[in-house]
Amino acid sequence: MTIRDHDAVDVRHVQPYEAVKAYRCPGCEQEIPAGVGHEVVVPRYAPQDRRHWHTPCWTRARRTRRR
């Protein structure tokens, strides 16, 4: 397993009608209220560590990771 493989994640967009529960975004530490579309990010090698992110927060974090 390479370092890049270790960082591999699966990302799924949650539509607003699917978002029935509030979550805390790890990117900004703000709440993602129910009814707001967002991203679910699941590490491939640690699926128990999945996190819900605001879409702009995930986009920013992903850009930062690639550098």
PDB file of N, CA and C in Angstrom:
ATOM      1  N   MET A   1       0.858  -1.182   0.000  1.00  0.00           N
ATOM      2  CA  MET A   1       0.000   0.000   0.000  1.00  0.00           C
ATOM      3  C   MET A   1       0.902   1.243   0.000  1.00  0.00           C
ATOM      4  N   THR A   2       0.672   2.126  -0.931  1.00  0.00           N
ATOM      5  CA  THR A   2       1.440   3.361  -0.984  1.00  0.00           C
ATOM      6  C   THR A   2       0.802   4.407  -0.079  1.00  0.00           C
ATOM      7  N   ILE A   3       1.525   5.485   0.156  1.00  0.00           N
ATOM      8  CA  ILE A   3       0.980   6.581   0.968  1.00  0.00           C
ATOM      9  C   ILE A   3      -0.283   7.128   0.322  1.00  0.00           C
ATOM     10  N   ARG A   4      -0.272   7.302  -0.976  1.00  0.00           N
ATOM     11  CA  ARG A   4      -1.446   7.828  -1.678  1.00  0.00           C
ATOM     12  C   ARG A   4      -2.636   6.878  -1.505  1.00  0.00           C
ATOM     13  N   ASP A   5      -2.397   5.562  -1.580  1.00  0.00           N
ATOM     14  CA  ASP A   5      -3.478   4.602  -1.358  1.00  0.00           C
ATOM     15  C   ASP A   5      -4.036   4.726   0.048  1.00  0.00           C
ATOM     16  N   HIS A   6      -3.156   4.953   1.003  1.00  0.00           N
ATOM     17  CA  HIS A   6      -3.578   5.066   2.399  1.00  0.00           C
ATOM     18  C   HIS A   6      -4.521   6.253   2.601  1.00  0.00           C
ATOM     19  N   ASP A   7      -4.341   7.307   1.819  1.00  0.00           N
ATOM     20  CA  ASP A   7      -5.182   8.507   1.921  1.00  0.00           C
ATOM     21  C   ASP A   7      -6.448   8.415   1.069  1.00  0.00           C
ATOM     22  N   ALA A   8      -6.662   7.310   0.396  1.00  0.00           N
ATOM     23  CA  ALA A   8      -7.801   7.179  -0.520  1.00  0.00           C
ATOM     24  C   ALA A   8      -9.123   7.261   0.239  1.00  0.00           C
ATOM     25  N   VAL A   9     -10.040   8.014  -0.338  1.00  0.00           N
ATOM     26  CA  VAL A   9     -11.376   8.160   0.254  1.00  0.00           C
ATOM     27  C   VAL A   9     -12.435   8.008  -0.834  1.00  0.00           C
ATOM     28  N   ASP A  10     -13.606   7.604  -0.404  1.00  0.00           N
ATOM     29  CA  ASP A  10     -14.773   7.605  -1.273  1.00  0.00           C
ATOM     30  C   ASP A  10     -15.646   8.769  -0.834  1.00  0.00           C
ATOM     31  N   VAL A  11     -16.159   9.514  -1.802  1.00  0.00           N
ATOM     32  CA  VAL A  11     -16.972  10.690  -1.506  1.00  0.00           C
ATOM     33  C   VAL A  11     -18.335  10.517  -2.161  1.00  0.00           C
ATOM     34  N   ARG A  12     -19.363  10.774  -1.389  1.00  0.00           N
ATOM     35  CA  ARG A  12     -20.731  10.700  -1.918  1.00  0.00           C
ATOM     36  C   ARG A  12     -21.446  11.999  -1.577  1.00  0.00           C
ATOM     37  N   HIS A  13     -22.082  12.592  -2.580  1.00  0.00           N
ATOM     38  CA  HIS A  13     -22.865  13.796  -2.339  1.00  0.00           C
ATOM     39  C   HIS A  13     -24.224  13.401  -1.782  1.00  0.00           C
ATOM     40  N   VAL A  14     -24.622  14.039  -0.692  1.00  0.00           N
ATOM     41  CA  VAL A  14     -25.935  13.820  -0.089  1.00  0.00           C
ATOM     42  C   VAL A  14     -26.848  14.946  -0.571  1.00  0.00           C
ATOM     43  N   GLN A  15     -27.935  14.594  -1.210  1.00  0.00           N
ATOM     44  CA  GLN A  15     -28.907  15.584  -1.680  1.00  0.00           C
ATOM     45  C   GLN A  15     -29.653  16.171  -0.478  1.00  0.00           C
ATOM     46  N   PRO A  16     -30.129  17.404  -0.585  1.00  0.00           N
ATOM     47  CA  PRO A  16     -30.845  18.014   0.541  1.00  0.00           C
ATOM     48  C   PRO A  16     -32.008  17.166   1.064  1.00  0.00           C
ATOM     49  N   TYR A  17     -32.754  16.528   0.186  1.00  0.00           N
ATOM     50  CA  TYR A  17     -33.886  15.721   0.654  1.00  0.00           C
ATOM     51  C   TYR A  17     -33.433  14.449   1.382  1.00  0.00           C
ATOM     52  N   GLU A  18     -32.177  14.050   1.193  1.00  0.00           N
ATOM     53  CA  GLU A  18     -31.638  12.875   1.888  1.00  0.00           C
ATOM     54  C   GLU A  18     -31.046  13.229   3.257  1.00  0.00           C
ATOM     55  N   ALA A  19     -30.761  14.495   3.468  1.00  0.00           N
ATOM     56  CA  ALA A  19     -30.083  14.938   4.689  1.00  0.00           C
ATOM     57  C   ALA A  19     -31.112  15.137   5.799  1.00  0.00           C
ATOM     58  N   VAL A  20     -31.326  14.094   6.565  1.00  0.00           N
ATOM     59  CA  VAL A  20     -32.388  14.126   7.579  1.00  0.00           C
ATOM     60  C   VAL A  20     -31.852  14.363   8.991  1.00  0.00           C
ATOM     61  N   LYS A  21     -30.550  14.531   9.109  1.00  0.00           N
ATOM     62  CA  LYS A  21     -29.926  14.672  10.416  1.00  0.00           C
ATOM     63  C   LYS A  21     -28.854  15.757  10.348  1.00  0.00           C
ATOM     64  N   ALA A  22     -28.605  16.450  11.441  1.00  0.00           N
ATOM     65  CA  ALA A  22     -27.554  17.470  11.507  1.00  0.00           C
ATOM     66  C   ALA A  22     -26.213  16.797  11.812  1.00  0.00           C
ATOM     67  N   TYR A  23     -25.145  17.358  11.243  1.00  0.00           N
ATOM     68  CA  TYR A  23     -23.785  16.878  11.470  1.00  0.00           C
ATOM     69  C   TYR A  23     -22.881  18.073  11.718  1.00  0.00           C
ATOM     70  N   ARG A  24     -21.682  17.826  12.213  1.00  0.00           N
ATOM     71  CA  ARG A  24     -20.688  18.871  12.414  1.00  0.00           C
ATOM     72  C   ARG A  24     -19.599  18.686  11.370  1.00  0.00           C
ATOM     73  N   CYS A  25     -19.342  19.720  10.578  1.00  0.00           N
ATOM     74  CA  CYS A  25     -18.328  19.681   9.526  1.00  0.00           C
ATOM     75  C   CYS A  25     -16.934  19.783  10.151  1.00  0.00           C
ATOM     76  N   PRO A  26     -16.033  18.838   9.852  1.00  0.00           N
ATOM     77  CA  PRO A  26     -14.676  18.928  10.390  1.00  0.00           C
ATOM     78  C   PRO A  26     -13.837  20.030   9.736  1.00  0.00           C
ATOM     79  N   GLY A  27     -14.294  20.549   8.616  1.00  0.00           N
ATOM     80  CA  GLY A  27     -13.537  21.595   7.932  1.00  0.00           C
ATOM     81  C   GLY A  27     -13.679  22.953   8.572  1.00  0.00           C
ATOM     82  N   CYS A  28     -14.868  23.248   9.089  1.00  0.00           N
ATOM     83  CA  CYS A  28     -15.115  24.573   9.673  1.00  0.00           C
ATOM     84  C   CYS A  28     -15.675  24.497  11.087  1.00  0.00           C
ATOM     85  N   GLU A  29     -15.936  23.275  11.545  1.00  0.00           N
ATOM     86  CA  GLU A  29     -16.499  23.047  12.884  1.00  0.00           C
ATOM     87  C   GLU A  29     -17.888  23.655  13.065  1.00  0.00           C
ATOM     88  N   GLN A  30     -18.585  23.928  11.963  1.00  0.00           N
ATOM     89  CA  GLN A  30     -19.945  24.454  12.022  1.00  0.00           C
ATOM     90  C   GLN A  30     -20.932  23.326  11.722  1.00  0.00           C
ATOM     91  N   GLU A  31     -22.156  23.529  12.140  1.00  0.00           N
ATOM     92  CA  GLU A  31     -23.183  22.521  11.914  1.00  0.00           C
ATOM     93  C   GLU A  31     -23.615  22.487  10.447  1.00  0.00           C
ATOM     94  N   ILE A  32     -23.873  21.287   9.970  1.00  0.00           N
ATOM     95  CA  ILE A  32     -24.551  21.076   8.693  1.00  0.00           C
ATOM     96  C   ILE A  32     -25.978  20.709   9.083  1.00  0.00           C
ATOM     97  N   PRO A  33     -26.926  21.609   8.944  1.00  0.00           N
ATOM     98  CA  PRO A  33     -28.287  21.298   9.389  1.00  0.00           C
ATOM     99  C   PRO A  33     -28.968  20.268   8.488  1.00  0.00           C
ATOM    100  N   ALA A  34     -29.965  19.616   9.040  1.00  0.00           N
ATOM    101  CA  ALA A  34     -30.783  18.706   8.238  1.00  0.00           C
ATOM    102  C   ALA A  34     -31.363  19.491   7.072  1.00  0.00           C
ATOM    103  N   GLY A  35     -31.468  18.859   5.915  1.00  0.00           N
ATOM    104  CA  GLY A  35     -32.024  19.507   4.737  1.00  0.00           C
ATOM    105  C   GLY A  35     -31.011  20.244   3.885  1.00  0.00           C
ATOM    106  N   VAL A  36     -29.726  20.157   4.252  1.00  0.00           N
ATOM    107  CA  VAL A  36     -28.667  20.822   3.485  1.00  0.00           C
ATOM    108  C   VAL A  36     -27.820  19.758   2.805  1.00  0.00           C
ATOM    109  N   GLY A  37     -27.647  19.866   1.497  1.00  0.00           N
ATOM    110  CA  GLY A  37     -26.794  18.942   0.767  1.00  0.00           C
ATOM    111  C   GLY A  37     -25.355  19.086   1.226  1.00  0.00           C
ATOM    112  N   HIS A  38     -24.620  17.975   1.233  1.00  0.00           N
ATOM    113  CA  HIS A  38     -23.235  17.991   1.696  1.00  0.00           C
ATOM    114  C   HIS A  38     -22.519  16.738   1.197  1.00  0.00           C
ATOM    115  N   GLU A  39     -21.275  16.568   1.581  1.00  0.00           N
ATOM    116  CA  GLU A  39     -20.473  15.425   1.152  1.00  0.00           C
ATOM    117  C   GLU A  39     -20.242  14.473   2.325  1.00  0.00           C
ATOM    118  N   VAL A  40     -20.336  13.173   2.063  1.00  0.00           N
ATOM    119  CA  VAL A  40     -19.933  12.167   3.039  1.00  0.00           C
ATOM    120  C   VAL A  40     -18.606  11.606   2.536  1.00  0.00           C
ATOM    121  N   VAL A  41     -17.570  11.731   3.355  1.00  0.00           N
ATOM    122  CA  VAL A  41     -16.220  11.310   2.991  1.00  0.00           C
ATOM    123  C   VAL A  41     -15.861  10.090   3.840  1.00  0.00           C
ATOM    124  N   VAL A  42     -15.575   8.973   3.158  1.00  0.00           N
ATOM    125  CA  VAL A  42     -15.309   7.708   3.839  1.00  0.00           C
ATOM    126  C   VAL A  42     -13.904   7.231   3.471  1.00  0.00           C
ATOM    127  N   PRO A  43     -12.983   7.208   4.440  1.00  0.00           N
ATOM    128  CA  PRO A  43     -11.649   6.651   4.153  1.00  0.00           C
ATOM    129  C   PRO A  43     -11.775   5.164   3.789  1.00  0.00           C
ATOM    130  N   ARG A  44     -11.157   4.761   2.700  1.00  0.00           N
ATOM    131  CA  ARG A  44     -11.290   3.372   2.238  1.00  0.00           C
ATOM    132  C   ARG A  44     -10.767   2.364   3.245  1.00  0.00           C
ATOM    133  N   TYR A  45      -9.724   2.731   3.985  1.00  0.00           N
ATOM    134  CA  TYR A  45      -9.123   1.778   4.910  1.00  0.00           C
ATOM    135  C   TYR A  45      -9.556   2.018   6.350  1.00  0.00           C
ATOM    136  N   ALA A  46     -10.504   2.917   6.572  1.00  0.00           N
ATOM    137  CA  ALA A  46     -11.040   3.169   7.916  1.00  0.00           C
ATOM    138  C   ALA A  46     -12.470   3.699   7.784  1.00  0.00           C
ATOM    139  N   PRO A  47     -13.376   2.898   7.243  1.00  0.00           N
ATOM    140  CA  PRO A  47     -14.733   3.390   6.991  1.00  0.00           C
ATOM    141  C   PRO A  47     -15.456   3.867   8.251  1.00  0.00           C
ATOM    142  N   GLN A  48     -15.029   3.404   9.404  1.00  0.00           N
ATOM    143  CA  GLN A  48     -15.639   3.865  10.649  1.00  0.00           C
ATOM    144  C   GLN A  48     -15.330   5.337  10.920  1.00  0.00           C
ATOM    145  N   ASP A  49     -14.371   5.901  10.202  1.00  0.00           N
ATOM    146  CA  ASP A  49     -13.977   7.308  10.376  1.00  0.00           C
ATOM    147  C   ASP A  49     -14.664   8.236   9.386  1.00  0.00           C
ATOM    148  N   ARG A  50     -15.778   7.832   8.812  1.00  0.00           N
ATOM    149  CA  ARG A  50     -16.470   8.685   7.828  1.00  0.00           C
ATOM    150  C   ARG A  50     -16.876  10.000   8.485  1.00  0.00           C
ATOM    151  N   ARG A  51     -16.888  11.058   7.663  1.00  0.00           N
ATOM    152  CA  ARG A  51     -17.245  12.387   8.144  1.00  0.00           C
ATOM    153  C   ARG A  51     -18.141  13.064   7.121  1.00  0.00           C
ATOM    154  N   HIS A  52     -18.992  13.945   7.598  1.00  0.00           N
ATOM    155  CA  HIS A  52     -19.884  14.741   6.768  1.00  0.00           C
ATOM    156  C   HIS A  52     -19.304  16.147   6.677  1.00  0.00           C
ATOM    157  N   TRP A  53     -19.120  16.642   5.458  1.00  0.00           N
ATOM    158  CA  TRP A  53     -18.491  17.936   5.198  1.00  0.00           C
ATOM    159  C   TRP A  53     -19.437  18.833   4.406  1.00  0.00           C
ATOM    160  N   HIS A  54     -19.375  20.153   4.663  1.00  0.00           N
ATOM    161  CA  HIS A  54     -19.989  21.097   3.732  1.00  0.00           C
ATOM    162  C   HIS A  54     -19.259  20.918   2.401  1.00  0.00           C
ATOM    163  N   THR A  55     -19.953  21.038   1.308  1.00  0.00           N
ATOM    164  CA  THR A  55     -19.321  20.863  -0.003  1.00  0.00           C
ATOM    165  C   THR A  55     -18.156  21.833  -0.213  1.00  0.00           C
ATOM    166  N   PRO A  56     -18.298  23.147   0.077  1.00  0.00           N
ATOM    167  CA  PRO A  56     -17.147  24.038  -0.121  1.00  0.00           C
ATOM    168  C   PRO A  56     -15.971  23.713   0.804  1.00  0.00           C
ATOM    169  N   CYS A  57     -16.246  23.264   2.015  1.00  0.00           N
ATOM    170  CA  CYS A  57     -15.163  22.897   2.939  1.00  0.00           C
ATOM    171  C   CYS A  57     -14.394  21.694   2.406  1.00  0.00           C
ATOM    172  N   TRP A  58     -15.111  20.686   1.884  1.00  0.00           N
ATOM    173  CA  TRP A  58     -14.446  19.512   1.326  1.00  0.00           C
ATOM    174  C   TRP A  58     -13.645  19.887   0.087  1.00  0.00           C
ATOM    175  N   THR A  59     -14.198  20.730  -0.763  1.00  0.00           N
ATOM    176  CA  THR A  59     -13.483  21.163  -1.967  1.00  0.00           C
ATOM    177  C   THR A  59     -12.173  21.849  -1.587  1.00  0.00           C
ATOM    178  N   ARG A  60     -12.222  22.722  -0.600  1.00  0.00           N
ATOM    179  CA  ARG A  60     -11.024  23.428  -0.132  1.00  0.00           C
ATOM    180  C   ARG A  60     -10.013  22.443   0.473  1.00  0.00           C
ATOM    181  N   ALA A  61     -10.478  21.527   1.300  1.00  0.00           N
ATOM    182  CA  ALA A  61      -9.580  20.554   1.925  1.00  0.00           C
ATOM    183  C   ALA A  61      -8.936  19.649   0.877  1.00  0.00           C
ATOM    184  N   ARG A  62      -9.700  19.244  -0.110  1.00  0.00           N
ATOM    185  CA  ARG A  62      -9.174  18.377  -1.166  1.00  0.00           C
ATOM    186  C   ARG A  62      -8.088  19.094  -1.957  1.00  0.00           C
ATOM    187  N   ARG A  63      -8.321  20.369  -2.251  1.00  0.00           N
ATOM    188  CA  ARG A  63      -7.310  21.150  -2.968  1.00  0.00           C
ATOM    189  C   ARG A  63      -6.032  21.269  -2.146  1.00  0.00           C
ATOM    190  N   THR A  64      -6.174  21.493  -0.863  1.00  0.00           N
ATOM    191  CA  THR A  64      -5.013  21.631   0.024  1.00  0.00           C
ATOM    192  C   THR A  64      -4.242  20.320   0.124  1.00  0.00           C
ATOM    193  N   ARG A  65      -4.940  19.187   0.167  1.00  0.00           N
ATOM    194  CA  ARG A  65      -4.285  17.872   0.269  1.00  0.00           C
ATOM    195  C   ARG A  65      -3.427  17.558  -0.936  1.00  0.00           C
ATOM    196  N   ARG A  66      -3.812  18.029  -2.106  1.00  0.00           N
ATOM    197  CA  ARG A  66      -3.090  17.698  -3.338  1.00  0.00           C
ATOM    198  C   ARG A  66      -1.767  18.425  -3.470  1.00  0.00           C
ATOM    199  N   ARG A  67      -1.564  19.437  -2.694  1.00  0.00           N
ATOM    200  CA  ARG A  67      -0.322  20.218  -2.819  1.00  0.00           C
ATOM    201  C   ARG A  67       0.843  19.553  -2.165  1.00  0.00           C
TER     202      ARG A  67
END
